């Protein structure tokens, strides 16, 4: 699955266009490398996103195309 779509489906970022912009600005990294919106996301990957001065770090536990709102947080595990 594409990174921008995963961010939207998991509801880490609410809109896919905003996820795309964050990737274009270099604020999203996947496994320690700056990632493009088209990067492929797999189970076990480590995701880091910069929101201003805060850094959100998570491990991807599952990759699903469609998820209910209540189950979206089961796709990742927050680190730190």
C-alpha atoms as a PDB file:
ATOM      1  CA  UNK A   1       0.000   0.000   0.000  1.00  0.00           C
ATOM      2  CA  UNK A   2       1.173   3.535  -0.694  1.00  0.00           C
ATOM      3  CA  UNK A   3       2.376   5.561   2.281  1.00  0.00           C
ATOM      4  CA  UNK A   4      -0.064   8.436   1.766  1.00  0.00           C
ATOM      5  CA  UNK A   5      -3.004   6.030   1.597  1.00  0.00           C
ATOM      6  CA  UNK A   6      -1.858   4.207   4.748  1.00  0.00           C
ATOM      7  CA  UNK A   7      -1.646   7.497   6.653  1.00  0.00           C
ATOM      8  CA  UNK A   8      -5.230   8.263   5.642  1.00  0.00           C
ATOM      9  CA  UNK A   9      -6.657   4.768   6.291  1.00  0.00           C
ATOM     10  CA  UNK A  10      -4.988   4.573   9.708  1.00  0.00           C
ATOM     11  CA  UNK A  11      -6.223   8.107  10.444  1.00  0.00           C
ATOM     12  CA  UNK A  12      -2.782   9.309  11.514  1.00  0.00           C
ATOM     13  CA  UNK A  13      -3.349  12.112   8.993  1.00  0.00           C
ATOM     14  CA  UNK A  14      -6.997  12.811   8.162  1.00  0.00           C
ATOM     15  CA  UNK A  15      -6.714  13.624   4.439  1.00  0.00           C
ATOM     16  CA  UNK A  16      -4.653  11.979   1.724  1.00  0.00           C
ATOM     17  CA  UNK A  17      -3.712  15.319   0.126  1.00  0.00           C
ATOM     18  CA  UNK A  18      -2.265  16.536   3.438  1.00  0.00           C
ATOM     19  CA  UNK A  19      -0.375  13.236   3.812  1.00  0.00           C
ATOM     20  CA  UNK A  20       0.978  13.791   0.290  1.00  0.00           C
ATOM     21  CA  UNK A  21       2.118  17.327   1.163  1.00  0.00           C
ATOM     22  CA  UNK A  22       3.841  16.129   4.368  1.00  0.00           C
ATOM     23  CA  UNK A  23       5.772  13.551   2.325  1.00  0.00           C
ATOM     24  CA  UNK A  24       6.717  16.142  -0.303  1.00  0.00           C
ATOM     25  CA  UNK A  25       8.049  18.452   2.412  1.00  0.00           C
ATOM     26  CA  UNK A  26      10.265  15.680   3.805  1.00  0.00           C
ATOM     27  CA  UNK A  27       8.473  15.446   7.165  1.00  0.00           C
ATOM     28  CA  UNK A  28       7.745  11.706   6.866  1.00  0.00           C
ATOM     29  CA  UNK A  29      10.386   8.996   7.141  1.00  0.00           C
ATOM     30  CA  UNK A  30      10.032   5.253   6.770  1.00  0.00           C
ATOM     31  CA  UNK A  31      12.679   3.017   8.378  1.00  0.00           C
ATOM     32  CA  UNK A  32      14.982   5.993   8.954  1.00  0.00           C
ATOM     33  CA  UNK A  33      14.869   7.342   5.379  1.00  0.00           C
ATOM     34  CA  UNK A  34      12.842  10.277   4.075  1.00  0.00           C
ATOM     35  CA  UNK A  35       9.905   8.711   2.248  1.00  0.00           C
ATOM     36  CA  UNK A  36       7.897   9.768  -0.769  1.00  0.00           C
ATOM     37  CA  UNK A  37       4.109   9.448  -0.836  1.00  0.00           C
ATOM     38  CA  UNK A  38       4.424   6.521  -3.248  1.00  0.00           C
ATOM     39  CA  UNK A  39       6.662   4.485  -0.897  1.00  0.00           C
ATOM     40  CA  UNK A  40       5.461   0.942  -0.244  1.00  0.00           C
ATOM     41  CA  UNK A  41       4.374   0.269   3.363  1.00  0.00           C
ATOM     42  CA  UNK A  42       4.720  -3.196   4.911  1.00  0.00           C
ATOM     43  CA  UNK A  43       4.199  -4.805   8.312  1.00  0.00           C
ATOM     44  CA  UNK A  44       7.090  -4.109  10.686  1.00  0.00           C
ATOM     45  CA  UNK A  45       8.102  -0.791   9.109  1.00  0.00           C
ATOM     46  CA  UNK A  46       8.928   2.108  11.440  1.00  0.00           C
ATOM     47  CA  UNK A  47       7.184   5.377  10.597  1.00  0.00           C
ATOM     48  CA  UNK A  48       8.250   8.844  11.810  1.00  0.00           C
ATOM     49  CA  UNK A  49       6.313  12.046  11.171  1.00  0.00           C
ATOM     50  CA  UNK A  50       7.285  15.560  12.244  1.00  0.00           C
ATOM     51  CA  UNK A  51       4.358  17.706  13.407  1.00  0.00           C
ATOM     52  CA  UNK A  52       6.034  21.044  14.144  1.00  0.00           C
ATOM     53  CA  UNK A  53       8.402  20.394  17.060  1.00  0.00           C
ATOM     54  CA  UNK A  54       6.774  17.050  17.905  1.00  0.00           C
ATOM     55  CA  UNK A  55       7.795  13.731  16.377  1.00  0.00           C
ATOM     56  CA  UNK A  56       5.284  10.894  16.047  1.00  0.00           C
ATOM     57  CA  UNK A  57       6.925   7.475  15.847  1.00  0.00           C
ATOM     58  CA  UNK A  58       5.038   4.224  15.231  1.00  0.00           C
ATOM     59  CA  UNK A  59       5.518   0.637  14.133  1.00  0.00           C
ATOM     60  CA  UNK A  60       3.164  -0.602  11.420  1.00  0.00           C
ATOM     61  CA  UNK A  61       1.355  -3.714  12.653  1.00  0.00           C
ATOM     62  CA  UNK A  62      -1.094  -4.347   9.835  1.00  0.00           C
ATOM     63  CA  UNK A  63      -1.870  -3.014   6.357  1.00  0.00           C
ATOM     64  CA  UNK A  64      -5.534  -3.084   5.336  1.00  0.00           C
ATOM     65  CA  UNK A  65      -7.341  -1.299   2.496  1.00  0.00           C
ATOM     66  CA  UNK A  66     -10.531  -0.552   4.446  1.00  0.00           C
ATOM     67  CA  UNK A  67     -10.832  -0.106   8.213  1.00  0.00           C
ATOM     68  CA  UNK A  68     -13.624   1.138  10.453  1.00  0.00           C
ATOM     69  CA  UNK A  69     -12.919   4.308  12.393  1.00  0.00           C
ATOM     70  CA  UNK A  70     -12.832   2.470  15.741  1.00  0.00           C
ATOM     71  CA  UNK A  71     -10.329  -0.118  14.443  1.00  0.00           C
ATOM     72  CA  UNK A  72      -7.942   2.336  12.754  1.00  0.00           C
ATOM     73  CA  UNK A  73      -5.607   2.478  15.758  1.00  0.00           C
ATOM     74  CA  UNK A  74      -4.995  -1.286  15.511  1.00  0.00           C
ATOM     75  CA  UNK A  75      -2.938  -0.747  12.337  1.00  0.00           C
ATOM     76  CA  UNK A  76       0.003   0.776  14.227  1.00  0.00           C
ATOM     77  CA  UNK A  77       1.690   0.849  17.634  1.00  0.00           C
ATOM     78  CA  UNK A  78       3.058   4.118  18.984  1.00  0.00           C
ATOM     79  CA  UNK A  79       6.722   4.030  19.998  1.00  0.00           C
ATOM     80  CA  UNK A  80       7.948   6.236  22.905  1.00  0.00           C
END
